[in-house]
């Protein structure tokens, strides 16, 4: 007998349908899986056999051939356990059901329980796009699959319960649509708790309003890390479209919390400087998202920036410019989204006290120069805001008064983002940082005084063409925060002061 059921394969952040064909024929008892399976798929034979027997069913003592089509697409992971088991039961006529418009996915334990798998959200999206009406998923993944509207989601706890559902004597109730809650997020750090550093807070507010990149430089203990960790508290909440893309990334990476089917709040990723290339960028035989993609629509915080390897830092160039990351392998190339805010922090020298008015630096000029040159000029050129973070005086630290709360700053940031949404309505752009040269020319015109100021700044600071466009985008954001339709000279002057005074 021959039976066919539908499952899914992941390709980057997307999914495609896979036909699971099961044939039972005469011969010595055996089970062969073909169709370019990896080790986890090949090992499913023993899991499926034990799950069928321990669920009170009969595993056929015959020659079983399982084909995963298309045969030229590599199949990975244990998610094919459930469709293979159902295909065997259909082919052996222990189950009779029409599954021509249904997809199945799930890992089986030896006792027949169905365990959660990764990547269910893109699988459900593929099922909807390909005209399927029902998807059978593990109970733990049901809320995630239900994010796709118009698709019936059947949560499967065990193989035995699925058999009862297909026979009709113990139907499984479809999972209800996921309901978004309005619970406000709780942020670990609020700007009101940061003492002093008012000019740094202003710079971070500008960065949040336009999704610009920031480099914080200052001595140890000045508050660079604390300020960076407070940035998510002033970022606007994600839209549903942004949340779905971020959730899809975390689902494919296997990092979606079981109690959080939809990621509602902007991610904050802070990898250590000892991270590997694959960990930061993404990789593997079949590439998976790295920290750069996990920070999509959120913040990527790189503390002690010069301590990261040169190869890692130079790899940041493409995503900072293109807002996406392409990973090429012999089997093909995959593109992951990487539109994040980069917040980097560094000490001015190896000991950290170069230029400090109180503590003397112990580094030689050559050591300071070597340390600062670890970050290349092209990378520094892609950072919009360079800001010094000085030590905080005792009087400010001991002051009991609280600063401006993050909620008040976030309100101004959201108002500026709303102006940008109206400006870029109908295009793929979301923030001022996303603008290209054509959009800068259209939305960032200057008057004669502004052109004269920018001309003088270009000559004195010896800025590149990239820096020229980034100053204009930054000035556009500052004008949006001020509620101005035009870029005034004062807005341009503030944007210029955020450029580094010297290039590495």
Protein backbone atom coordinates (compact mmCIF):
# COMPACT_ATOMS: atom_id res chain seq x y z
CA UNK A 1 0.00 0.00 0.00
CA UNK A 2 1.06 3.57 -0.67
CA UNK A 3 0.18 6.66 1.39
CA UNK A 4 1.19 10.29 1.20
CA UNK A 5 1.06 13.09 3.78
CA UNK A 6 2.40 16.64 3.71
CA UNK A 7 5.11 18.09 5.92
CA UNK A 8 7.55 21.02 5.72
CA UNK A 9 11.23 21.89 5.32
CA UNK A 10 12.90 25.11 6.46
CA UNK A 11 14.97 27.18 4.05
CA UNK A 12 16.37 30.13 5.96
CA UNK A 13 13.39 31.99 7.42
CA UNK A 14 10.97 30.47 4.93
CA UNK A 15 9.46 27.02 4.56
CA UNK A 16 8.44 24.79 1.69
CA UNK A 17 6.13 21.78 1.45
CA UNK A 18 7.57 18.27 1.57
CA UNK A 19 5.64 15.19 0.43
CA UNK A 20 6.16 12.26 2.81
CA UNK A 21 5.43 9.11 0.76
CA UNK A 22 5.26 5.73 2.52
CA UNK A 23 5.21 2.42 0.63
CA UNK A 24 4.68 -0.99 2.27
CA UNK A 25 5.77 -4.00 0.22
CA UNK A 26 6.66 -7.62 0.73
CA UNK A 27 10.11 -8.49 1.99
CA UNK A 28 12.19 -8.71 5.12
CA UNK A 29 11.16 -6.20 7.82
CA UNK A 30 13.12 -3.00 7.21
CA UNK A 31 12.64 0.74 6.93
CA UNK A 32 14.51 2.91 4.44
CA UNK A 33 14.27 6.70 4.28
CA UNK A 34 15.32 8.40 1.05
CA UNK A 35 15.16 12.01 -0.13
CA UNK A 36 18.41 13.49 1.24
CA UNK A 37 17.70 13.05 4.99
CA UNK A 38 20.20 14.05 7.66
CA UNK A 39 21.14 11.87 10.65
CA UNK A 40 18.20 13.09 12.77
CA UNK A 41 15.73 12.13 10.04
CA UNK A 42 17.34 8.73 9.45
CA UNK A 43 17.18 7.98 13.19
CA UNK A 44 13.42 8.60 13.14
CA UNK A 45 12.90 4.95 12.10
CA UNK A 46 13.45 3.68 15.64
CA UNK A 47 11.52 6.55 17.27
CA UNK A 48 8.54 5.99 14.96
CA UNK A 49 8.55 2.21 15.48
CA UNK A 50 8.60 2.51 19.27
CA UNK A 51 6.00 5.30 19.29
CA UNK A 52 3.57 3.27 17.15
CA UNK A 53 3.95 0.12 19.28
CA UNK A 54 3.73 1.98 22.61
CA UNK A 55 0.58 3.77 21.40
CA UNK A 56 -1.24 0.43 21.11
CA UNK A 57 -0.91 0.22 17.33
CA UNK A 58 0.87 -2.22 15.03
CA UNK A 59 4.11 -1.47 13.25
CA UNK A 60 4.05 -3.46 9.96
CA UNK A 61 6.54 -6.31 9.74
CA UNK A 62 7.29 -5.65 6.10
CA UNK A 63 9.56 -3.61 3.89
CA UNK A 64 8.90 0.11 4.42
CA UNK A 65 10.18 2.77 2.06
CA UNK A 66 9.79 6.43 3.03
CA UNK A 67 10.45 9.05 0.37
CA UNK A 68 10.78 12.75 1.26
CA UNK A 69 10.15 14.76 -1.90
CA UNK A 70 11.58 16.87 -3.46
CA UNK A 71 14.62 14.62 -3.29
CA UNK A 72 17.19 17.36 -4.00
CA UNK A 73 16.26 19.38 -0.88
CA UNK A 74 18.09 18.40 2.30
CA UNK A 75 15.74 17.41 5.16
CA UNK A 76 16.86 18.21 8.70
CA UNK A 77 15.64 17.65 12.23
CA UNK A 78 13.12 15.40 13.99
CA UNK A 79 10.02 17.24 12.76
CA UNK A 80 9.27 14.45 10.25
CA UNK A 81 8.55 11.85 12.97
CA UNK A 82 4.80 12.57 13.14
CA UNK A 83 4.13 12.67 9.36
CA UNK A 84 6.16 9.46 8.84
CA UNK A 85 4.21 7.70 11.60
CA UNK A 86 0.86 8.84 10.19
CA UNK A 87 1.96 7.80 6.70
CA UNK A 88 2.78 4.29 7.99
CA UNK A 89 -0.61 4.05 9.71
CA UNK A 90 -2.40 5.17 6.54
CA UNK A 91 -0.44 2.76 4.34
CA UNK A 92 -1.14 -0.15 6.71
CA UNK A 93 -4.85 0.82 6.79
CA UNK A 94 -4.90 1.29 10.56
CA UNK A 95 -6.13 4.83 9.94
CA UNK A 96 -8.39 6.14 7.22
CA UNK A 97 -8.54 9.91 6.71
CA UNK A 98 -8.33 12.53 3.98
CA UNK A 99 -5.18 14.57 4.72
CA UNK A 100 -4.70 15.96 1.23
CA UNK A 101 -5.12 19.56 2.48
CA UNK A 102 -3.45 19.13 5.86
CA UNK A 103 0.18 19.45 6.99
CA UNK A 104 1.80 17.57 9.86
CA UNK A 105 4.89 18.32 11.90
CA UNK A 106 6.17 17.03 15.22
CA UNK A 107 8.84 15.00 17.00
CA UNK A 108 7.82 11.71 18.65
CA UNK A 109 9.08 10.35 21.93
CA UNK A 110 9.30 6.57 22.42
CA UNK A 111 5.99 6.50 24.31
CA UNK A 112 4.16 8.32 21.51
CA UNK A 113 4.10 11.80 23.01
CA UNK A 114 4.56 14.65 20.52
CA UNK A 115 7.37 17.07 21.36
CA UNK A 116 7.74 20.66 20.19
CA UNK A 117 9.89 21.55 17.18
CA UNK A 118 11.44 24.73 15.81
CA UNK A 119 10.28 26.85 12.89
CA UNK A 120 6.52 26.21 13.21
CA UNK A 121 5.54 29.81 12.35
CA UNK A 122 7.14 29.81 8.86
CA UNK A 123 5.73 26.30 8.34
CA UNK A 124 2.22 27.50 9.13
CA UNK A 125 2.71 30.49 6.82
CA UNK A 126 3.80 28.15 4.01
CA UNK A 127 0.76 25.94 4.62
CA UNK A 128 -1.56 28.93 4.25
CA UNK A 129 0.22 30.17 1.12
CA UNK A 130 0.03 26.73 -0.54
CA UNK A 131 -3.71 26.38 0.04
CA UNK A 132 -3.71 23.95 2.98
CA UNK A 133 -6.57 24.37 5.42
CA UNK A 134 -5.32 22.45 8.48
CA UNK A 135 -2.01 21.94 10.22
CA UNK A 136 -1.30 19.39 12.96
CA UNK A 137 1.40 20.61 15.36
CA UNK A 138 2.65 19.73 18.86
CA UNK A 139 0.61 21.23 21.68
CA UNK A 140 3.56 23.42 22.71
CA UNK A 141 3.67 25.00 19.23
CA UNK A 142 -0.07 25.53 18.75
CA UNK A 143 -0.14 29.17 19.87
CA UNK A 144 2.75 29.96 17.54
CA UNK A 145 1.02 28.35 14.54
CA UNK A 146 -2.24 30.14 15.37
CA UNK A 147 -0.58 33.48 14.58
CA UNK A 148 -1.30 32.66 10.93
CA UNK A 149 -4.90 33.68 10.35
CA UNK A 150 -7.28 31.50 8.34
CA UNK A 151 -5.58 28.19 9.17
CA UNK A 152 -7.12 25.51 11.41
CA UNK A 153 -4.53 24.49 14.00
CA UNK A 154 -4.90 21.08 15.66
CA UNK A 155 -2.73 20.72 18.80
CA UNK A 156 -1.50 17.12 19.05
CA UNK A 157 -0.44 15.79 22.44
CA UNK A 158 0.30 12.20 21.42
CA UNK A 159 0.14 9.83 18.48
CA UNK A 160 -2.71 7.92 20.15
CA UNK A 161 -4.80 11.08 20.55
CA UNK A 162 -4.20 11.96 16.88
CA UNK A 163 -5.40 8.48 15.83
CA UNK A 164 -8.55 8.97 17.93
CA UNK A 165 -9.10 12.34 16.24
CA UNK A 166 -8.67 10.92 12.75
CA UNK A 167 -11.07 8.04 13.55
CA UNK A 168 -13.59 10.57 14.88
CA UNK A 169 -14.28 9.05 18.30
CA UNK A 170 -12.07 11.54 20.22
CA UNK A 171 -11.88 14.74 18.16
CA UNK A 172 -9.28 17.32 19.16
CA UNK A 173 -10.61 20.84 19.54
CA UNK A 174 -8.84 23.29 17.21
CA UNK A 175 -6.64 25.86 18.93
CA UNK A 176 -8.31 29.22 19.37
CA UNK A 177 -6.74 32.25 17.69
CA UNK A 178 -3.99 33.88 19.68
CA UNK A 179 -5.24 37.02 21.46
CA UNK A 180 -2.80 39.88 21.86
CA UNK A 181 -2.61 41.32 25.36
CA UNK A 182 -2.09 44.95 26.27
CA UNK A 183 0.15 44.34 29.28
CA UNK A 184 2.82 47.08 29.32
CA UNK A 185 6.40 45.77 29.25
CA UNK A 186 8.66 45.92 32.26
CA UNK A 187 12.13 47.20 31.38
CA UNK A 188 15.14 46.31 33.55
CA UNK A 189 16.62 49.83 33.30
CA UNK A 190 14.80 53.18 33.18
CA UNK A 191 16.44 56.45 32.18
CA UNK A 192 15.24 58.10 35.38
CA UNK A 193 17.65 55.90 37.33
CA UNK A 194 20.69 57.05 35.33
CA UNK A 195 22.45 59.88 37.17
CA UNK A 196 23.87 62.73 35.10
CA UNK A 197 24.98 62.17 31.49
CA UNK A 198 22.23 64.43 30.15
CA UNK A 199 24.01 65.02 26.83
CA UNK A 200 24.38 61.25 26.36
CA UNK A 201 20.68 60.73 27.07
CA UNK A 202 19.88 63.35 24.44
CA UNK A 203 22.10 61.55 21.90
CA UNK A 204 20.40 58.23 22.65
CA UNK A 205 16.98 59.85 22.28
CA UNK A 206 17.97 61.09 18.82
CA UNK A 207 19.32 57.64 17.97
CA UNK A 208 16.10 55.93 19.08
CA UNK A 209 13.95 58.40 17.14
CA UNK A 210 15.63 57.56 13.83
CA UNK A 211 17.16 54.11 14.50
CA UNK A 212 20.70 55.48 14.22
CA UNK A 213 23.90 53.73 15.30
CA UNK A 214 25.80 54.97 18.37
CA UNK A 215 29.35 54.65 19.70
CA UNK A 216 29.80 55.43 23.41
CA UNK A 217 33.36 56.16 24.48
CA UNK A 218 34.50 56.80 28.04
CA UNK A 219 36.38 55.51 31.08
CA UNK A 220 35.34 52.41 33.05
CA UNK A 221 32.36 52.91 35.35
CA UNK A 222 31.02 56.00 33.59
CA UNK A 223 27.70 54.28 32.81
CA UNK A 224 28.08 53.21 29.16
CA UNK A 225 26.58 49.76 29.68
CA UNK A 226 23.77 51.10 31.89
CA UNK A 227 22.84 53.70 29.28
CA UNK A 228 22.85 51.11 26.49
CA UNK A 229 20.61 48.74 28.47
CA UNK A 230 18.15 51.60 29.05
CA UNK A 231 17.67 52.22 25.30
CA UNK A 232 14.93 49.56 24.80
CA UNK A 233 12.78 51.46 27.33
CA UNK A 234 12.57 54.49 25.00
CA UNK A 235 12.03 52.60 21.74
CA UNK A 236 8.48 52.55 20.34
CA UNK A 237 6.53 49.29 20.52
CA UNK A 238 6.78 47.02 17.50
CA UNK A 239 3.97 46.80 15.00
CA UNK A 240 2.32 43.42 14.38
CA UNK A 241 4.22 43.03 11.10
CA UNK A 242 7.54 43.65 12.83
CA UNK A 243 6.61 41.25 15.63
CA UNK A 244 5.81 38.47 13.18
CA UNK A 245 9.17 38.81 11.42
CA UNK A 246 11.10 38.84 14.72
CA UNK A 247 9.08 35.88 15.99
CA UNK A 248 9.86 33.96 12.80
CA UNK A 249 13.60 34.56 13.32
CA UNK A 250 13.48 33.30 16.91
CA UNK A 251 11.31 30.33 15.90
CA UNK A 252 13.79 29.19 13.24
CA UNK A 253 16.69 29.71 15.66
CA UNK A 254 14.92 27.58 18.30
CA UNK A 255 14.94 30.47 20.79
CA UNK A 256 11.22 31.25 20.98
CA UNK A 257 10.12 30.90 24.63
CA UNK A 258 7.37 28.30 25.12
CA UNK A 259 5.20 30.84 26.97
CA UNK A 260 5.74 33.60 24.38
CA UNK A 261 4.25 32.64 21.00
CA UNK A 262 4.60 36.22 19.72
CA UNK A 263 7.55 38.48 20.55
CA UNK A 264 6.01 41.87 21.26
CA UNK A 265 9.02 43.84 22.49
CA UNK A 266 12.15 44.86 20.66
CA UNK A 267 15.04 42.46 21.20
CA UNK A 268 18.22 43.49 22.99
CA UNK A 269 21.22 41.32 22.16
CA UNK A 270 24.55 41.77 23.93
CA UNK A 271 27.03 39.11 22.75
CA UNK A 272 30.40 38.79 24.52
CA UNK A 273 33.51 39.74 22.58
CA UNK A 274 34.62 36.07 22.60
CA UNK A 275 31.67 35.08 20.39
CA UNK A 276 32.47 33.04 17.29
CA UNK A 277 31.96 34.17 13.71
CA UNK A 278 28.99 31.81 13.24
CA UNK A 279 27.49 32.93 16.55
CA UNK A 280 27.51 36.60 15.56
CA UNK A 281 26.76 36.36 11.85
CA UNK A 282 24.96 33.02 11.65
CA UNK A 283 26.06 29.81 10.00
CA UNK A 284 26.08 26.06 10.04
CA UNK A 285 25.77 23.54 7.23
CA UNK A 286 22.29 24.93 6.72
CA UNK A 287 22.71 28.52 8.01
CA UNK A 288 20.79 29.59 11.08
CA UNK A 289 20.37 33.21 12.30
CA UNK A 290 23.15 34.69 14.43
CA UNK A 291 23.11 37.56 16.93
CA UNK A 292 22.98 40.10 14.11
CA UNK A 293 19.65 38.73 12.87
CA UNK A 294 18.34 38.04 16.38
CA UNK A 295 18.68 41.80 16.99
CA UNK A 296 16.45 42.62 13.99
CA UNK A 297 14.20 45.62 14.76
CA UNK A 298 15.93 45.91 18.14
CA UNK A 299 19.33 46.71 19.62
CA UNK A 300 22.68 44.99 19.10
CA UNK A 301 24.97 46.07 21.95
CA UNK A 302 28.68 45.40 21.52
CA UNK A 303 30.50 46.21 24.76
CA UNK A 304 34.28 46.62 24.63
CA UNK A 305 34.11 47.04 20.85
CA UNK A 306 37.90 46.97 20.19
CA UNK A 307 38.12 43.55 21.88
CA UNK A 308 36.03 41.93 19.12
CA UNK A 309 38.04 40.26 16.38
CA UNK A 310 38.82 42.26 13.26
CA UNK A 311 36.98 39.73 11.10
CA UNK A 312 33.84 40.07 13.23
CA UNK A 313 33.89 43.87 13.16
CA UNK A 314 34.40 44.05 9.41
CA UNK A 315 31.50 41.63 8.96
CA UNK A 316 29.24 44.34 10.39
CA UNK A 317 29.73 46.54 7.35
CA UNK A 318 27.18 44.84 5.08
CA UNK A 319 24.27 44.63 7.55
CA UNK A 320 24.86 48.21 8.74
CA UNK A 321 24.60 49.42 5.14
CA UNK A 322 22.12 47.00 3.54
CA UNK A 323 19.96 46.11 6.61
CA UNK A 324 20.24 42.43 5.68
CA UNK A 325 22.85 39.69 5.74
CA UNK A 326 23.61 37.15 3.02
CA UNK A 327 25.31 33.88 3.91
CA UNK A 328 26.64 31.84 0.99
CA UNK A 329 27.22 28.10 1.09
CA UNK A 330 28.01 25.51 -1.58
CA UNK A 331 24.34 24.48 -1.57
CA UNK A 332 23.17 28.06 -2.12
CA UNK A 333 22.86 31.39 -0.34
CA UNK A 334 20.37 32.59 2.26
CA UNK A 335 19.47 36.13 3.22
CA UNK A 336 18.47 37.04 6.79
CA UNK A 337 17.03 40.41 7.86
CA UNK A 338 19.42 42.50 9.98
CA UNK A 339 17.87 45.93 10.48
CA UNK A 340 19.06 46.78 13.97
CA UNK A 341 20.36 49.69 16.02
CA UNK A 342 24.03 49.21 16.80
CA UNK A 343 25.11 50.55 20.17
CA UNK A 344 28.81 50.05 20.77
CA UNK A 345 30.87 50.98 23.81
CA UNK A 346 34.61 51.32 24.17
CA UNK A 347 37.29 52.62 26.50
CA UNK A 348 39.61 55.27 25.05
CA UNK A 349 42.70 53.11 25.70
CA UNK A 350 43.65 49.68 27.13
CA UNK A 351 43.72 50.92 30.73
CA UNK A 352 40.61 53.03 30.15
CA UNK A 353 41.77 56.34 31.59
CA UNK A 354 43.16 58.18 28.57
CA UNK A 355 41.94 61.78 28.74
CA UNK A 356 40.40 61.39 32.20
CA UNK A 357 40.84 64.55 34.32
CA UNK A 358 41.21 62.64 37.60
CA UNK A 359 42.98 59.32 37.03
CA UNK A 360 46.22 59.18 35.09
CA UNK A 361 46.51 56.95 32.01
CA UNK A 362 49.32 54.36 32.15
CA UNK A 363 49.34 53.58 28.41
CA UNK A 364 52.02 54.80 26.03
CA UNK A 365 50.96 56.85 22.98
CA UNK A 366 51.74 53.87 20.74
CA UNK A 367 49.46 51.60 22.82
CA UNK A 368 46.63 54.14 22.67
CA UNK A 369 47.02 54.52 18.90
CA UNK A 370 47.13 50.75 18.34
CA UNK A 371 44.06 50.23 20.52
CA UNK A 372 41.98 52.85 18.72
CA UNK A 373 43.02 51.57 15.28
CA UNK A 374 41.46 48.17 15.98
CA UNK A 375 38.23 49.73 14.70
CA UNK A 376 38.57 50.57 11.02
CA UNK A 377 37.65 53.91 9.52
CA UNK A 378 34.98 52.41 7.21
CA UNK A 379 33.21 50.90 10.22
CA UNK A 380 33.39 54.13 12.22
CA UNK A 381 32.02 55.96 9.19
CA UNK A 382 28.86 53.83 9.38
CA UNK A 383 28.14 54.94 12.96
CA UNK A 384 25.99 58.07 13.03
CA UNK A 385 26.52 59.26 16.60
CA UNK A 386 29.88 59.34 18.40
CA UNK A 387 29.48 60.54 21.98
CA UNK A 388 31.87 60.88 24.91
CA UNK A 389 30.67 59.49 28.26
CA UNK A 390 32.68 61.22 31.04
CA UNK A 391 32.90 60.12 34.65
CA UNK A 392 29.96 61.15 36.84
CA UNK A 393 30.68 63.58 39.67
CA UNK A 394 29.86 62.68 43.27
CA UNK A 395 27.27 65.45 43.62
CA UNK A 396 25.18 63.95 40.81
CA UNK A 397 25.55 60.38 42.03
CA UNK A 398 24.45 61.29 45.56
CA UNK A 399 21.49 63.40 44.41
CA UNK A 400 18.20 61.72 45.39
CA UNK A 401 16.26 63.37 42.61
CA UNK A 402 15.25 61.14 39.72
CA UNK A 403 15.83 62.03 36.10
CA UNK A 404 13.29 62.18 33.30
CA UNK A 405 11.49 58.80 33.02
CA UNK A 406 11.79 56.65 29.93
CA UNK A 407 8.04 56.92 29.31
CA UNK A 408 8.31 60.67 28.69
CA UNK A 409 11.27 60.21 26.34
CA UNK A 410 9.50 57.36 24.55
CA UNK A 411 6.50 59.62 23.90
CA UNK A 412 8.74 62.07 22.02
CA UNK A 413 10.42 59.22 20.16
CA UNK A 414 7.06 57.78 19.11
CA UNK A 415 5.91 61.20 17.89
CA UNK A 416 9.05 61.48 15.74
CA UNK A 417 8.57 57.93 14.42
CA UNK A 418 4.97 58.77 13.54
CA UNK A 419 6.18 61.68 11.40
CA UNK A 420 8.53 59.28 9.63
CA UNK A 421 5.76 56.74 9.07
CA UNK A 422 3.63 59.39 7.40
CA UNK A 423 6.60 60.58 5.34
CA UNK A 424 7.50 57.11 4.08
CA UNK A 425 3.96 55.80 3.70
CA UNK A 426 3.70 53.46 0.74
CA UNK A 427 7.43 52.69 0.63
CA UNK A 428 9.61 50.02 2.26
CA UNK A 429 11.23 52.60 4.56
CA UNK A 430 10.33 52.80 8.24
CA UNK A 431 12.86 55.20 9.78
CA UNK A 432 15.21 57.96 8.70
CA UNK A 433 18.20 55.62 9.05
CA UNK A 434 16.72 53.48 6.24
CA UNK A 435 16.89 56.30 3.69
CA UNK A 436 19.12 56.00 0.64
CA UNK A 437 20.71 58.86 -1.38
CA UNK A 438 17.50 59.39 -3.41
CA UNK A 439 15.36 59.76 -0.27
CA UNK A 440 17.97 62.02 1.37
CA UNK A 441 17.84 64.31 -1.65
CA UNK A 442 14.03 64.41 -1.50
CA UNK A 443 13.41 64.70 2.24
CA UNK A 444 16.52 66.51 3.54
CA UNK A 445 16.79 69.82 1.62
CA UNK A 446 18.89 72.59 3.20
CA UNK A 447 18.66 76.36 2.98
CA UNK A 448 21.67 78.50 2.07
CA UNK A 449 22.82 78.84 5.70
CA UNK A 450 22.63 75.08 6.19
CA UNK A 451 24.60 74.40 3.02
CA UNK A 452 27.32 76.83 4.10
CA UNK A 453 27.56 75.19 7.54
CA UNK A 454 27.76 71.69 6.08
CA UNK A 455 30.35 72.78 3.51
CA UNK A 456 32.59 74.13 6.26
CA UNK A 457 32.13 70.97 8.35
CA UNK A 458 33.00 68.74 5.39
CA UNK A 459 36.24 70.64 4.84
CA UNK A 460 37.32 70.81 8.48
CA UNK A 461 36.43 67.23 9.45
CA UNK A 462 37.43 65.76 6.06
CA UNK A 463 34.21 63.75 5.92
CA UNK A 464 33.33 61.14 3.31
CA UNK A 465 30.27 61.09 1.08
CA UNK A 466 28.75 58.46 3.39
CA UNK A 467 29.26 60.76 6.40
CA UNK A 468 27.61 63.60 4.43
CA UNK A 469 24.44 61.56 3.91
CA UNK A 470 24.45 60.31 7.49
CA UNK A 471 24.62 63.87 8.84
CA UNK A 472 21.61 64.82 6.74
CA UNK A 473 19.64 61.78 7.93
CA UNK A 474 20.56 62.58 11.53
CA UNK A 475 19.54 66.22 11.08
CA UNK A 476 16.21 65.04 9.65
CA UNK A 477 15.62 63.01 12.82
CA UNK A 478 16.50 65.94 15.08
CA UNK A 479 14.05 68.10 13.13
CA UNK A 480 11.37 65.40 13.54
CA UNK A 481 11.94 65.42 17.31
CA UNK A 482 11.49 69.21 17.27
CA UNK A 483 8.31 68.89 15.18
CA UNK A 484 9.83 70.82 12.29
CA UNK A 485 9.02 70.14 8.65
CA UNK A 486 12.31 71.67 7.51
CA UNK A 487 15.87 71.06 8.66
CA UNK A 488 17.00 74.21 10.44
CA UNK A 489 20.60 75.28 10.97
CA UNK A 490 20.40 74.38 14.67
CA UNK A 491 19.33 70.83 13.78
CA UNK A 492 22.22 70.49 11.35
CA UNK A 493 24.70 71.87 13.89
CA UNK A 494 23.65 69.27 16.47
CA UNK A 495 23.99 66.49 13.89
CA UNK A 496 27.51 67.64 12.96
CA UNK A 497 28.68 67.64 16.56
CA UNK A 498 27.92 63.92 16.80
CA UNK A 499 30.58 63.12 14.18
CA UNK A 500 34.04 62.05 15.44
CA UNK A 501 36.63 64.80 15.53
CA UNK A 502 39.27 62.50 14.07
CA UNK A 503 39.20 59.38 11.94
CA UNK A 504 41.10 56.19 12.77
